Amino acid sequence: MHITILADAIDNQNAGVHYYLKNLIEHLLKIDRKNKYSFIHCQENQFFDNKESYIIPQIKGPGTETVRRFHKIPKLIKKLNPDAVWQPCHIGPFNIPKEIKRIVTIHDLTPILFPQFHTPRGKIIHRLLLGKTLKNADLILTPSETTKRDIISHYQPFAPIAVTPLGVDKPSRTFETSGHPEVKPYFLYLGTIEPRKNLELLIDAFLELDLQQKLILAGAKGWKNSRILKKAKHPKITLLTNVSEEEKAALYTHADAFVYPSIYEGFGLPPLEAMSYGIPVICSTGGSLKELYSKNALMFDPKDKEALKSHLQNFKSAPKSKDFAKNFTWENTAEKTLKSFNQI
């Protein structure tokens, strides 16, 4: 089977979908000796060296991305004539022959469930095109049972839905804290800096307590974050953006505890990463977080600031969950994904 992957996220993102797709492609290519893979993406990238890849550049300007998605990419797909096309990020593929199977990964339904946390463009695109994407799909991949239930509840798609939980890299102990601020001891949040992550509640809860720890907020800047950035301007809070893998490893290694207050997640990988380093985890019950981590973290309702404050004060009572994290590997994700591919 020839599978074409729409891989823009490898080029133009540095957050969840990029991390998911990069790791999954690497491990699929390791275990799959039967299927052929080709890639369509948007710019030069060493990741695609020695892989069959095709670049269709993203050009700034009104309507250019619509032309790219609905005309240029489908034209190339028809020329490649694969057996299946996989869109790993919610919307598409469109305008391809019916005999080509359509695979899509839906990470969560937050643009539908919590539109207030998304950009106007993102909300409109999901309202207009997500239903069509799911209706036309031959296979839907999703990282959790929670997101699977959301999809069934809102769209009742005909396609099978395969739950393929994400993996976590093995902890790296080879990096020191050079280049990262000396703020120990500290609590750590790592993820996108945006409203859905509920960071205002975390900042308020943290500053209402007289703790010896400081708070590090690390991750790429998302959208609608001006209030968060304003609140983070405090002597006890350090904001780190554009964190490298080396810095991330050091941050996990030396944190007193990891805090993830998100209002809703389709999976929520950072708590699992933190568990793999053996540090205590404080986590909200938003979305799939309750499904995944209820027995392996100090949990709180994402609206309950007092419960979060209590957990910050008593973080040492968190369950030891390093062994739990070992159950989640990218090899397992790749195997389940490949099994789903072969079924169609």
C-alpha atoms as a PDB file:
ATOM      1  CA  MET A   1       0.000   0.000   0.000  1.00  0.00           C
ATOM      2  CA  HIS A   2       1.231   3.500  -0.864  1.00  0.00           C
ATOM      3  CA  ILE A   3       0.363   6.096   1.809  1.00  0.00           C
ATOM      4  CA  THR A   4       0.871   9.810   1.200  1.00  0.00           C
ATOM      5  CA  ILE A   5       1.185  11.896   4.367  1.00  0.00           C
ATOM      6  CA  LEU A   6       0.345  15.610   4.466  1.00  0.00           C
ATOM      7  CA  ALA A   7       3.255  16.666   6.633  1.00  0.00           C
ATOM      8  CA  ASP A   8       3.169  20.467   6.915  1.00  0.00           C
ATOM      9  CA  ALA A   9       3.308  20.176  10.711  1.00  0.00           C
ATOM     10  CA  ILE A  10       6.873  18.889  10.483  1.00  0.00           C
ATOM     11  CA  ASP A  11       7.899  22.184   8.835  1.00  0.00           C
ATOM     12  CA  ASN A  12       5.779  24.902  10.389  1.00  0.00           C
ATOM     13  CA  GLN A  13       4.965  23.830  13.948  1.00  0.00           C
ATOM     14  CA  ASN A  14       6.873  23.217  17.150  1.00  0.00           C
ATOM     15  CA  ALA A  15       4.075  21.981  19.379  1.00  0.00           C
ATOM     16  CA  GLY A  16       1.864  18.929  19.842  1.00  0.00           C
ATOM     17  CA  VAL A  17       1.019  17.943  16.262  1.00  0.00           C
ATOM     18  CA  HIS A  18       4.631  18.412  15.149  1.00  0.00           C
ATOM     19  CA  TYR A  19       5.865  16.202  17.984  1.00  0.00           C
ATOM     20  CA  TYR A  20       3.203  13.550  17.306  1.00  0.00           C
ATOM     21  CA  LEU A  21       3.805  13.404  13.573  1.00  0.00           C
ATOM     22  CA  LYS A  22       7.597  13.469  13.727  1.00  0.00           C
ATOM     23  CA  ASN A  23       7.803  10.630  16.240  1.00  0.00           C
ATOM     24  CA  LEU A  24       5.128   8.567  14.553  1.00  0.00           C
ATOM     25  CA  ILE A  25       6.705   8.843  11.095  1.00  0.00           C
ATOM     26  CA  GLU A  26      10.116   7.875  12.454  1.00  0.00           C
ATOM     27  CA  HIS A  27       8.753   4.777  14.161  1.00  0.00           C
ATOM     28  CA  LEU A  28       6.430   3.777  11.305  1.00  0.00           C
ATOM     29  CA  LEU A  29       9.402   3.759   8.951  1.00  0.00           C
ATOM     30  CA  LYS A  30      11.301   1.535  11.391  1.00  0.00           C
ATOM     31  CA  ILE A  31       8.635  -1.145  11.732  1.00  0.00           C
ATOM     32  CA  ASP A  32       6.820  -1.065   8.381  1.00  0.00           C
ATOM     33  CA  ARG A  33       8.615  -3.030   5.650  1.00  0.00           C
ATOM     34  CA  LYS A  34       5.591  -3.514   3.388  1.00  0.00           C
ATOM     35  CA  ASN A  35       4.001  -0.122   2.769  1.00  0.00           C
ATOM     36  CA  LYS A  36       5.427   2.784   0.791  1.00  0.00           C
ATOM     37  CA  TYR A  37       5.305   6.319   2.204  1.00  0.00           C
ATOM     38  CA  SER A  38       5.519   9.665   0.447  1.00  0.00           C
ATOM     39  CA  PHE A  39       5.259  13.118   1.993  1.00  0.00           C
ATOM     40  CA  ILE A  40       3.816  16.452   0.936  1.00  0.00           C
ATOM     41  CA  HIS A  41       5.036  19.442   2.940  1.00  0.00           C
ATOM     42  CA  CYS A  42       5.700  23.161   2.647  1.00  0.00           C
ATOM     43  CA  GLN A  43       9.428  23.946   2.890  1.00  0.00           C
ATOM     44  CA  GLU A  44      12.942  22.516   2.861  1.00  0.00           C
ATOM     45  CA  ASN A  45      13.569  20.320   5.880  1.00  0.00           C
ATOM     46  CA  GLN A  46      16.376  17.867   6.636  1.00  0.00           C
ATOM     47  CA  PHE A  47      13.828  15.567   8.244  1.00  0.00           C
ATOM     48  CA  PHE A  48      12.746  14.512   4.747  1.00  0.00           C
ATOM     49  CA  ASP A  49      16.242  13.686   3.500  1.00  0.00           C
ATOM     50  CA  ASN A  50      16.292  10.206   1.953  1.00  0.00           C
ATOM     51  CA  LYS A  51      12.485  10.136   1.951  1.00  0.00           C
ATOM     52  CA  GLU A  52      10.154  10.532  -1.023  1.00  0.00           C
ATOM     53  CA  SER A  53       8.871  14.044  -0.445  1.00  0.00           C
ATOM     54  CA  TYR A  54       7.319  16.884  -2.426  1.00  0.00           C
ATOM     55  CA  ILE A  55       7.227  20.557  -1.489  1.00  0.00           C
ATOM     56  CA  ILE A  56       4.238  22.771  -2.228  1.00  0.00           C
ATOM     57  CA  PRO A  57       5.199  26.118  -0.637  1.00  0.00           C
ATOM     58  CA  GLN A  58       2.843  28.128   1.530  1.00  0.00           C
ATOM     59  CA  ILE A  59       2.547  31.609   0.019  1.00  0.00           C
ATOM     60  CA  LYS A  60       1.272  34.564   2.011  1.00  0.00           C
ATOM     61  CA  GLY A  61      -1.721  36.331   0.563  1.00  0.00           C
ATOM     62  CA  PRO A  62      -5.544  36.218   0.480  1.00  0.00           C
ATOM     63  CA  GLY A  63      -6.843  32.861  -0.687  1.00  0.00           C
ATOM     64  CA  THR A  64      -3.428  31.341  -1.329  1.00  0.00           C
ATOM     65  CA  GLU A  65      -3.762  28.608   1.279  1.00  0.00           C
ATOM     66  CA  THR A  66      -7.213  27.712  -0.056  1.00  0.00           C
ATOM     67  CA  VAL A  67      -5.742  27.304  -3.546  1.00  0.00           C
ATOM     68  CA  ARG A  68      -2.918  25.220  -2.097  1.00  0.00           C
ATOM     69  CA  ARG A  69      -5.196  22.878  -0.118  1.00  0.00           C
ATOM     70  CA  PHE A  70      -8.040  22.495  -2.594  1.00  0.00           C
ATOM     71  CA  HIS A  71      -6.185  22.594  -5.918  1.00  0.00           C
ATOM     72  CA  LYS A  72      -2.379  22.259  -5.767  1.00  0.00           C
ATOM     73  CA  ILE A  73      -2.180  19.444  -3.198  1.00  0.00           C
ATOM     74  CA  PRO A  74      -5.049  17.414  -4.764  1.00  0.00           C
ATOM     75  CA  LYS A  75      -3.412  17.801  -8.196  1.00  0.00           C
ATOM     76  CA  LEU A  76      -0.160  16.348  -6.847  1.00  0.00           C
ATOM     77  CA  ILE A  77      -2.001  13.554  -5.027  1.00  0.00           C
ATOM     78  CA  LYS A  78      -3.759  12.538  -8.253  1.00  0.00           C
ATOM     79  CA  LYS A  79      -0.362  12.399  -9.962  1.00  0.00           C
ATOM     80  CA  LEU A  80       1.162  10.269  -7.164  1.00  0.00           C
ATOM     81  CA  ASN A  81      -1.943   8.037  -7.140  1.00  0.00           C
ATOM     82  CA  PRO A  82      -1.459   6.568  -3.624  1.00  0.00           C
ATOM     83  CA  ASP A  83      -3.789   4.027  -2.063  1.00  0.00           C
ATOM     84  CA  ALA A  84      -4.415   6.307   0.914  1.00  0.00           C
ATOM     85  CA  VAL A  85      -3.808   9.889   2.037  1.00  0.00           C
ATOM     86  CA  TRP A  86      -3.312  10.685   5.710  1.00  0.00           C
ATOM     87  CA  GLN A  87      -4.058  14.136   7.121  1.00  0.00           C
ATOM     88  CA  PRO A  88      -2.601  14.118  10.686  1.00  0.00           C
ATOM     89  CA  CYS A  89      -4.129  17.448  11.685  1.00  0.00           C
ATOM     90  CA  HIS A  90      -7.960  17.586  11.553  1.00  0.00           C
ATOM     91  CA  ILE A  91      -8.925  19.155   8.203  1.00  0.00           C
ATOM     92  CA  GLY A  92      -8.758  17.353   4.849  1.00  0.00           C
ATOM     93  CA  PRO A  93      -7.733  15.876   2.516  1.00  0.00           C
ATOM     94  CA  PHE A  94     -10.075  17.371  -0.089  1.00  0.00           C
ATOM     95  CA  ASN A  95     -10.784  16.990  -3.802  1.00  0.00           C
ATOM     96  CA  ILE A  96      -9.140  13.615  -4.260  1.00  0.00           C
ATOM     97  CA  PRO A  97     -10.527  10.607  -6.178  1.00  0.00           C
ATOM     98  CA  LYS A  98     -12.959   8.433  -4.251  1.00  0.00           C
ATOM     99  CA  GLU A  99     -10.864   5.319  -4.754  1.00  0.00           C
ATOM    100  CA  ILE A 100      -8.073   6.870  -2.644  1.00  0.00           C
ATOM    101  CA  LYS A 101      -8.698   6.123   1.031  1.00  0.00           C
ATOM    102  CA  ARG A 102      -8.818   9.112   3.389  1.00  0.00           C
ATOM    103  CA  ILE A 103      -7.274   8.896   6.842  1.00  0.00           C
ATOM    104  CA  VAL A 104      -7.475  11.738   9.366  1.00  0.00           C
ATOM    105  CA  THR A 105      -6.202  12.224  12.912  1.00  0.00           C
ATOM    106  CA  ILE A 106      -8.453  14.218  15.239  1.00  0.00           C
ATOM    107  CA  HIS A 107      -6.497  15.196  18.340  1.00  0.00           C
ATOM    108  CA  ASP A 108      -9.393  16.896  20.129  1.00  0.00           C
ATOM    109  CA  LEU A 109     -12.599  18.814  19.457  1.00  0.00           C
ATOM    110  CA  THR A 110     -11.683  21.951  21.387  1.00  0.00           C
ATOM    111  CA  PRO A 111     -12.403  24.298  18.426  1.00  0.00           C
ATOM    112  CA  ILE A 112     -15.980  22.979  18.608  1.00  0.00           C
ATOM    113  CA  LEU A 113     -16.325  22.437  22.372  1.00  0.00           C
ATOM    114  CA  PHE A 114     -14.412  25.551  23.481  1.00  0.00           C
ATOM    115  CA  PRO A 115     -14.433  27.986  20.537  1.00  0.00           C
ATOM    116  CA  GLN A 116     -13.651  30.912  22.868  1.00  0.00           C
ATOM    117  CA  PHE A 117     -10.107  29.596  23.221  1.00  0.00           C
ATOM    118  CA  HIS A 118      -9.370  29.607  19.488  1.00  0.00           C
ATOM    119  CA  THR A 119      -8.712  32.156  16.782  1.00  0.00           C
ATOM    120  CA  PRO A 120     -11.609  33.307  14.573  1.00  0.00           C
ATOM    121  CA  ARG A 121      -9.958  31.631  11.584  1.00  0.00           C
ATOM    122  CA  GLY A 122      -9.568  28.334  13.412  1.00  0.00           C
ATOM    123  CA  LYS A 123     -13.180  28.378  14.592  1.00  0.00           C
ATOM    124  CA  ILE A 124     -14.538  29.092  11.120  1.00  0.00           C
ATOM    125  CA  ILE A 125     -12.407  26.432   9.439  1.00  0.00           C
ATOM    126  CA  HIS A 126     -13.511  23.763  11.911  1.00  0.00           C
ATOM    127  CA  ARG A 127     -17.182  24.731  11.714  1.00  0.00           C
ATOM    128  CA  LEU A 128     -17.157  24.655   7.928  1.00  0.00           C
ATOM    129  CA  LEU A 129     -14.853  21.736   7.181  1.00  0.00           C
ATOM    130  CA  LEU A 130     -14.500  19.333  10.113  1.00  0.00           C
ATOM    131  CA  GLY A 131     -17.896  17.723   9.551  1.00  0.00           C
ATOM    132  CA  LYS A 132     -17.101  17.218   5.867  1.00  0.00           C
ATOM    133  CA  THR A 133     -13.691  15.782   6.740  1.00  0.00           C
ATOM    134  CA  LEU A 134     -15.224  13.211   9.087  1.00  0.00           C
ATOM    135  CA  LYS A 135     -18.048  12.363   6.681  1.00  0.00           C
ATOM    136  CA  ASN A 136     -15.575  11.606   3.890  1.00  0.00           C
ATOM    137  CA  ALA A 137     -13.039   9.743   6.054  1.00  0.00           C
ATOM    138  CA  ASP A 138     -12.354   6.027   5.650  1.00  0.00           C
ATOM    139  CA  LEU A 139     -10.414   5.886   8.931  1.00  0.00           C
ATOM    140  CA  ILE A 140     -10.267   8.253  11.910  1.00  0.00           C
ATOM    141  CA  LEU A 141      -7.352   8.135  14.349  1.00  0.00           C
ATOM    142  CA  THR A 142      -7.582   9.712  17.773  1.00  0.00           C
ATOM    143  CA  PRO A 143      -5.340   9.584  20.861  1.00  0.00           C
ATOM    144  CA  SER A 144      -7.936   8.858  23.557  1.00  0.00           C
ATOM    145  CA  GLU A 145     -11.318   7.326  24.299  1.00  0.00           C
ATOM    146  CA  THR A 146     -12.468  10.771  25.408  1.00  0.00           C
ATOM    147  CA  THR A 147     -11.909  12.284  21.969  1.00  0.00           C
ATOM    148  CA  LYS A 148     -13.471   9.227  20.315  1.00  0.00           C
ATOM    149  CA  ARG A 149     -16.634   9.749  22.387  1.00  0.00           C
ATOM    150  CA  ASP A 150     -16.664  13.455  21.504  1.00  0.00           C
ATOM    151  CA  ILE A 151     -16.449  12.673  17.793  1.00  0.00           C
ATOM    152  CA  ILE A 152     -19.252  10.103  17.957  1.00  0.00           C
ATOM    153  CA  SER A 153     -21.431  12.427  20.033  1.00  0.00           C
ATOM    154  CA  HIS A 154     -21.099  15.431  17.735  1.00  0.00           C
ATOM    155  CA  TYR A 155     -20.691  13.882  14.270  1.00  0.00           C
ATOM    156  CA  GLN A 156     -21.716  10.192  14.215  1.00  0.00           C
ATOM    157  CA  PRO A 157     -19.191   9.386  11.441  1.00  0.00           C
ATOM    158  CA  PHE A 158     -19.464   6.215   9.364  1.00  0.00           C
ATOM    159  CA  ALA A 159     -15.719   5.525   9.427  1.00  0.00           C
ATOM    160  CA  PRO A 160     -14.101   3.335  12.090  1.00  0.00           C
ATOM    161  CA  ILE A 161     -12.339   5.262  14.869  1.00  0.00           C
ATOM    162  CA  ALA A 162      -9.052   3.808  16.102  1.00  0.00           C
ATOM    163  CA  VAL A 163      -7.650   4.971  19.443  1.00  0.00           C
ATOM    164  CA  THR A 164      -3.867   5.239  19.157  1.00  0.00           C
ATOM    165  CA  PRO A 165      -2.450   6.643  22.434  1.00  0.00           C
ATOM    166  CA  LEU A 166       0.677   8.748  22.149  1.00  0.00           C
ATOM    167  CA  GLY A 167       4.145   7.764  23.288  1.00  0.00           C
ATOM    168  CA  VAL A 168       6.806   9.393  25.383  1.00  0.00           C
ATOM    169  CA  ASP A 169      10.529   9.515  24.708  1.00  0.00           C
ATOM    170  CA  LYS A 170      12.879   7.915  27.197  1.00  0.00           C
ATOM    171  CA  PRO A 171      14.072  10.487  29.747  1.00  0.00           C
ATOM    172  CA  SER A 172      17.354  12.157  28.872  1.00  0.00           C
ATOM    173  CA  ARG A 173      19.858  12.552  31.703  1.00  0.00           C
ATOM    174  CA  THR A 174      22.724  13.769  29.536  1.00  0.00           C
ATOM    175  CA  PHE A 175      21.980  17.485  29.685  1.00  0.00           C
ATOM    176  CA  GLU A 176      22.973  19.851  32.444  1.00  0.00           C
ATOM    177  CA  THR A 177      21.181  23.084  33.341  1.00  0.00           C
ATOM    178  CA  SER A 178      23.656  25.316  31.509  1.00  0.00           C
ATOM    179  CA  GLY A 179      21.808  28.043  29.638  1.00  0.00           C
ATOM    180  CA  HIS A 180      18.728  27.751  31.830  1.00  0.00           C
ATOM    181  CA  PRO A 181      17.987  30.172  34.703  1.00  0.00           C
ATOM    182  CA  GLU A 182      19.017  29.240  38.207  1.00  0.00           C
ATOM    183  CA  VAL A 183      15.574  29.449  39.803  1.00  0.00           C
ATOM    184  CA  LYS A 184      15.566  26.279  41.899  1.00  0.00           C
ATOM    185  CA  PRO A 185      13.480  25.124  43.615  1.00  0.00           C
ATOM    186  CA  TYR A 186      10.575  25.453  41.207  1.00  0.00           C
ATOM    187  CA  PHE A 187       7.265  24.109  39.966  1.00  0.00           C
ATOM    188  CA  LEU A 188       7.110  23.571  36.210  1.00  0.00           C
ATOM    189  CA  TYR A 189       4.446  24.000  33.560  1.00  0.00           C
ATOM    190  CA  LEU A 190       5.429  23.032  30.015  1.00  0.00           C
ATOM    191  CA  GLY A 191       3.090  23.472  27.060  1.00  0.00           C
ATOM    192  CA  THR A 192       1.670  26.136  24.794  1.00  0.00           C
ATOM    193  CA  ILE A 193       1.049  29.524  26.409  1.00  0.00           C
ATOM    194  CA  GLU A 194      -2.639  30.024  25.595  1.00  0.00           C
ATOM    195  CA  PRO A 195      -5.980  30.380  27.446  1.00  0.00           C
ATOM    196  CA  ARG A 196      -7.102  26.738  27.169  1.00  0.00           C
ATOM    197  CA  LYS A 197      -4.139  25.741  29.314  1.00  0.00           C
ATOM    198  CA  ASN A 198      -5.713  27.603  32.263  1.00  0.00           C
ATOM    199  CA  LEU A 199      -2.491  29.339  33.251  1.00  0.00           C
ATOM    200  CA  GLU A 200      -4.200  32.329  34.831  1.00  0.00           C
ATOM    201  CA  LEU A 201      -5.698  29.998  37.454  1.00  0.00           C
ATOM    202  CA  LEU A 202      -2.265  28.470  38.059  1.00  0.00           C
ATOM    203  CA  ILE A 203      -0.596  31.868  38.438  1.00  0.00           C
ATOM    204  CA  ASP A 204      -3.312  33.103  40.817  1.00  0.00           C
ATOM    205  CA  ALA A 205      -3.178  29.945  42.936  1.00  0.00           C
ATOM    206  CA  PHE A 206       0.614  30.000  43.081  1.00  0.00           C
ATOM    207  CA  LEU A 207       0.883  33.679  44.050  1.00  0.00           C
ATOM    208  CA  GLU A 208      -1.731  33.314  46.799  1.00  0.00           C
ATOM    209  CA  LEU A 209       0.570  30.866  48.560  1.00  0.00           C
ATOM    210  CA  ASP A 210       3.797  31.687  50.371  1.00  0.00           C
ATOM    211  CA  LEU A 211       5.947  28.898  48.940  1.00  0.00           C
ATOM    212  CA  GLN A 212       9.714  28.581  48.689  1.00  0.00           C
ATOM    213  CA  GLN A 213       9.397  27.385  45.099  1.00  0.00           C
ATOM    214  CA  LYS A 214       9.247  29.644  42.088  1.00  0.00           C
ATOM    215  CA  LEU A 215       7.123  28.901  39.028  1.00  0.00           C
ATOM    216  CA  ILE A 216       8.478  28.289  35.525  1.00  0.00           C
ATOM    217  CA  LEU A 217       6.084  28.555  32.587  1.00  0.00           C
ATOM    218  CA  ALA A 218       7.806  27.043  29.556  1.00  0.00           C
ATOM    219  CA  GLY A 219       6.596  26.589  25.995  1.00  0.00           C
ATOM    220  CA  ALA A 220       5.797  28.270  22.721  1.00  0.00           C
ATOM    221  CA  LYS A 221       3.492  31.277  22.696  1.00  0.00           C
ATOM    222  CA  GLY A 222       0.049  30.440  21.358  1.00  0.00           C
ATOM    223  CA  TRP A 223      -2.799  32.877  20.825  1.00  0.00           C
ATOM    224  CA  LYS A 224      -4.922  35.172  23.015  1.00  0.00           C
ATOM    225  CA  ASN A 225      -2.213  35.134  25.681  1.00  0.00           C
ATOM    226  CA  SER A 226      -1.777  38.824  26.532  1.00  0.00           C
ATOM    227  CA  ARG A 227      -3.463  38.449  29.951  1.00  0.00           C
ATOM    228  CA  ILE A 228      -1.321  35.429  30.774  1.00  0.00           C
ATOM    229  CA  LEU A 229       1.885  37.220  29.794  1.00  0.00           C
ATOM    230  CA  LYS A 230       0.902  40.232  31.883  1.00  0.00           C
ATOM    231  CA  LYS A 231       0.207  38.097  34.973  1.00  0.00           C
ATOM    232  CA  ALA A 232       3.472  36.219  34.475  1.00  0.00           C
ATOM    233  CA  LYS A 233       5.477  39.406  35.024  1.00  0.00           C
ATOM    234  CA  HIS A 234       6.278  38.651  38.653  1.00  0.00           C
ATOM    235  CA  PRO A 235       9.593  38.104  40.489  1.00  0.00           C
ATOM    236  CA  LYS A 236       8.617  34.545  41.419  1.00  0.00           C
ATOM    237  CA  ILE A 237       7.601  33.560  37.880  1.00  0.00           C
ATOM    238  CA  THR A 238       9.943  32.797  34.966  1.00  0.00           C
ATOM    239  CA  LEU A 239       8.602  32.597  31.417  1.00  0.00           C
ATOM    240  CA  LEU A 240      10.643  30.535  28.930  1.00  0.00           C
ATOM    241  CA  THR A 241       9.692  30.355  25.250  1.00  0.00           C
ATOM    242  CA  ASN A 242      11.246  28.394  22.384  1.00  0.00           C
ATOM    243  CA  VAL A 243      12.513  25.680  24.736  1.00  0.00           C
ATOM    244  CA  SER A 244      14.924  23.215  23.119  1.00  0.00           C
ATOM    245  CA  GLU A 245      14.815  19.475  23.770  1.00  0.00           C
ATOM    246  CA  GLU A 246      17.969  19.837  25.885  1.00  0.00           C
ATOM    247  CA  GLU A 247      16.398  22.589  27.985  1.00  0.00           C
ATOM    248  CA  LYS A 248      13.177  20.614  28.324  1.00  0.00           C
ATOM    249  CA  ALA A 249      15.092  17.622  29.675  1.00  0.00           C
ATOM    250  CA  ALA A 250      16.868  19.833  32.216  1.00  0.00           C
ATOM    251  CA  LEU A 251      13.612  21.485  33.283  1.00  0.00           C
ATOM    252  CA  TYR A 252      11.916  18.146  33.926  1.00  0.00           C
ATOM    253  CA  THR A 253      14.966  16.730  35.692  1.00  0.00           C
ATOM    254  CA  HIS A 254      15.234  19.473  38.305  1.00  0.00           C
ATOM    255  CA  ALA A 255      11.564  20.399  38.922  1.00  0.00           C
ATOM    256  CA  ASP A 256      10.027  19.801  42.348  1.00  0.00           C
ATOM    257  CA  ALA A 257       6.716  19.012  40.639  1.00  0.00           C
ATOM    258  CA  PHE A 258       4.962  19.396  37.297  1.00  0.00           C
ATOM    259  CA  VAL A 259       1.640  21.260  37.117  1.00  0.00           C
ATOM    260  CA  TYR A 260      -0.807  20.921  34.214  1.00  0.00           C
ATOM    261  CA  PRO A 261      -4.027  22.885  34.842  1.00  0.00           C
ATOM    262  CA  SER A 262      -5.536  22.604  31.337  1.00  0.00           C
ATOM    263  CA  ILE A 263      -9.262  23.097  30.908  1.00  0.00           C
ATOM    264  CA  TYR A 264      -9.480  20.373  28.257  1.00  0.00           C
ATOM    265  CA  GLU A 265      -7.111  17.980  26.479  1.00  0.00           C
ATOM    266  CA  GLY A 266      -7.550  15.315  23.829  1.00  0.00           C
ATOM    267  CA  PHE A 267      -4.576  13.489  25.330  1.00  0.00           C
ATOM    268  CA  GLY A 268      -2.171  15.701  27.270  1.00  0.00           C
ATOM    269  CA  LEU A 269       1.391  14.505  26.702  1.00  0.00           C
ATOM    270  CA  PRO A 270       3.413  16.777  29.069  1.00  0.00           C
ATOM    271  CA  PRO A 271       2.170  15.113  32.295  1.00  0.00           C
ATOM    272  CA  LEU A 272       3.253  11.761  30.873  1.00  0.00           C
ATOM    273  CA  GLU A 273       6.676  13.181  30.023  1.00  0.00           C
ATOM    274  CA  ALA A 274       6.998  14.513  33.558  1.00  0.00           C
ATOM    275  CA  MET A 275       6.033  11.123  35.004  1.00  0.00           C
ATOM    276  CA  SER A 276       8.759   9.489  32.934  1.00  0.00           C
ATOM    277  CA  TYR A 277      11.274  11.668  34.811  1.00  0.00           C
ATOM    278  CA  GLY A 278       9.865  10.504  38.121  1.00  0.00           C
ATOM    279  CA  ILE A 279       8.689  13.922  39.345  1.00  0.00           C
ATOM    280  CA  PRO A 280       5.329  14.490  41.107  1.00  0.00           C
ATOM    281  CA  VAL A 281       2.474  15.564  38.809  1.00  0.00           C
ATOM    282  CA  ILE A 282      -0.450  17.843  39.632  1.00  0.00           C
ATOM    283  CA  CYS A 283      -3.038  17.643  36.877  1.00  0.00           C
ATOM    284  CA  SER A 284      -6.554  18.854  36.115  1.00  0.00           C
ATOM    285  CA  THR A 285      -9.380  16.495  35.184  1.00  0.00           C
ATOM    286  CA  GLY A 286     -10.075  18.332  31.910  1.00  0.00           C
ATOM    287  CA  GLY A 287     -11.042  16.085  28.987  1.00  0.00           C
ATOM    288  CA  SER A 288      -8.866  12.997  28.603  1.00  0.00           C
ATOM    289  CA  LEU A 289      -6.611  13.935  31.532  1.00  0.00           C
ATOM    290  CA  LYS A 290      -8.981  12.252  33.963  1.00  0.00           C
ATOM    291  CA  GLU A 291      -9.150   9.168  31.719  1.00  0.00           C
ATOM    292  CA  LEU A 292      -5.375   8.847  31.581  1.00  0.00           C
ATOM    293  CA  TYR A 293      -3.986  10.114  34.866  1.00  0.00           C
ATOM    294  CA  SER A 294      -6.626   9.756  37.595  1.00  0.00           C
ATOM    295  CA  LYS A 295      -4.566   7.149  39.478  1.00  0.00           C
ATOM    296  CA  ASN A 296      -1.155   8.629  38.780  1.00  0.00           C
ATOM    297  CA  ALA A 297      -1.345  12.303  39.712  1.00  0.00           C
ATOM    298  CA  LEU A 298      -2.876  14.730  42.181  1.00  0.00           C
ATOM    299  CA  MET A 299      -6.049  15.657  40.283  1.00  0.00           C
ATOM    300  CA  PHE A 300      -8.287  18.722  40.548  1.00  0.00           C
ATOM    301  CA  ASP A 301     -11.239  20.204  38.710  1.00  0.00           C
ATOM    302  CA  PRO A 302      -9.851  22.873  36.329  1.00  0.00           C
ATOM    303  CA  LYS A 303     -12.100  25.492  37.956  1.00  0.00           C
ATOM    304  CA  ASP A 304     -11.143  24.591  41.548  1.00  0.00           C
ATOM    305  CA  LYS A 305      -8.384  26.977  42.571  1.00  0.00           C
ATOM    306  CA  GLU A 306      -8.483  25.896  46.229  1.00  0.00           C
ATOM    307  CA  ALA A 307      -7.863  22.249  45.324  1.00  0.00           C
ATOM    308  CA  LEU A 308      -4.915  23.321  43.169  1.00  0.00           C
ATOM    309  CA  LYS A 309      -3.491  25.370  46.039  1.00  0.00           C
ATOM    310  CA  SER A 310      -3.784  22.363  48.351  1.00  0.00           C
ATOM    311  CA  HIS A 311      -1.944  20.164  45.855  1.00  0.00           C
ATOM    312  CA  LEU A 312       0.836  22.741  45.438  1.00  0.00           C
ATOM    313  CA  GLN A 313       1.333  22.674  49.193  1.00  0.00           C
ATOM    314  CA  ASN A 314       1.256  18.874  49.349  1.00  0.00           C
ATOM    315  CA  PHE A 315       2.937  17.920  46.056  1.00  0.00           C
ATOM    316  CA  LYS A 316       5.129  15.306  47.743  1.00  0.00           C
ATOM    317  CA  SER A 317       2.038  13.147  48.301  1.00  0.00           C
ATOM    318  CA  ALA A 318       1.570  12.624  44.546  1.00  0.00           C
ATOM    319  CA  PRO A 319       1.591   8.973  43.379  1.00  0.00           C
ATOM    320  CA  LYS A 320       4.856   7.606  42.071  1.00  0.00           C
ATOM    321  CA  SER A 321       4.097   7.067  38.398  1.00  0.00           C
ATOM    322  CA  LYS A 322       7.388   6.465  36.595  1.00  0.00           C
ATOM    323  CA  ASP A 323       6.421   2.848  35.851  1.00  0.00           C
ATOM    324  CA  PHE A 324       3.057   3.982  34.467  1.00  0.00           C
ATOM    325  CA  ALA A 325       4.786   6.196  31.908  1.00  0.00           C
ATOM    326  CA  LYS A 326       6.766   3.221  30.615  1.00  0.00           C
ATOM    327  CA  ASN A 327       3.526   1.793  29.179  1.00  0.00           C
ATOM    328  CA  PHE A 328       3.401   4.574  26.561  1.00  0.00           C
ATOM    329  CA  THR A 329       5.941   4.269  23.763  1.00  0.00           C
ATOM    330  CA  TRP A 330       6.056   5.580  20.194  1.00  0.00           C
ATOM    331  CA  GLU A 331       6.690   2.011  19.083  1.00  0.00           C
ATOM    332  CA  ASN A 332       3.260   1.061  20.468  1.00  0.00           C
ATOM    333  CA  THR A 333       1.677   4.107  18.827  1.00  0.00           C
ATOM    334  CA  ALA A 334       3.221   3.166  15.486  1.00  0.00           C
ATOM    335  CA  GLU A 335       2.120  -0.464  15.769  1.00  0.00           C
ATOM    336  CA  LYS A 336      -1.497   0.476  16.535  1.00  0.00           C
ATOM    337  CA  THR A 337      -1.505   3.073  13.761  1.00  0.00           C
ATOM    338  CA  LEU A 338      -0.089   0.607  11.243  1.00  0.00           C
ATOM    339  CA  LYS A 339      -2.640  -2.021  12.240  1.00  0.00           C
ATOM    340  CA  SER A 340      -5.402   0.529  11.587  1.00  0.00           C
ATOM    341  CA  PHE A 341      -3.907   1.433   8.189  1.00  0.00           C
ATOM    342  CA  ASN A 342      -3.822  -2.205   7.126  1.00  0.00           C
ATOM    343  CA  GLN A 343      -7.471  -2.732   8.079  1.00  0.00           C
ATOM    344  CA  ILE A 344      -8.634  -0.344   5.359  1.00  0.00           C
END
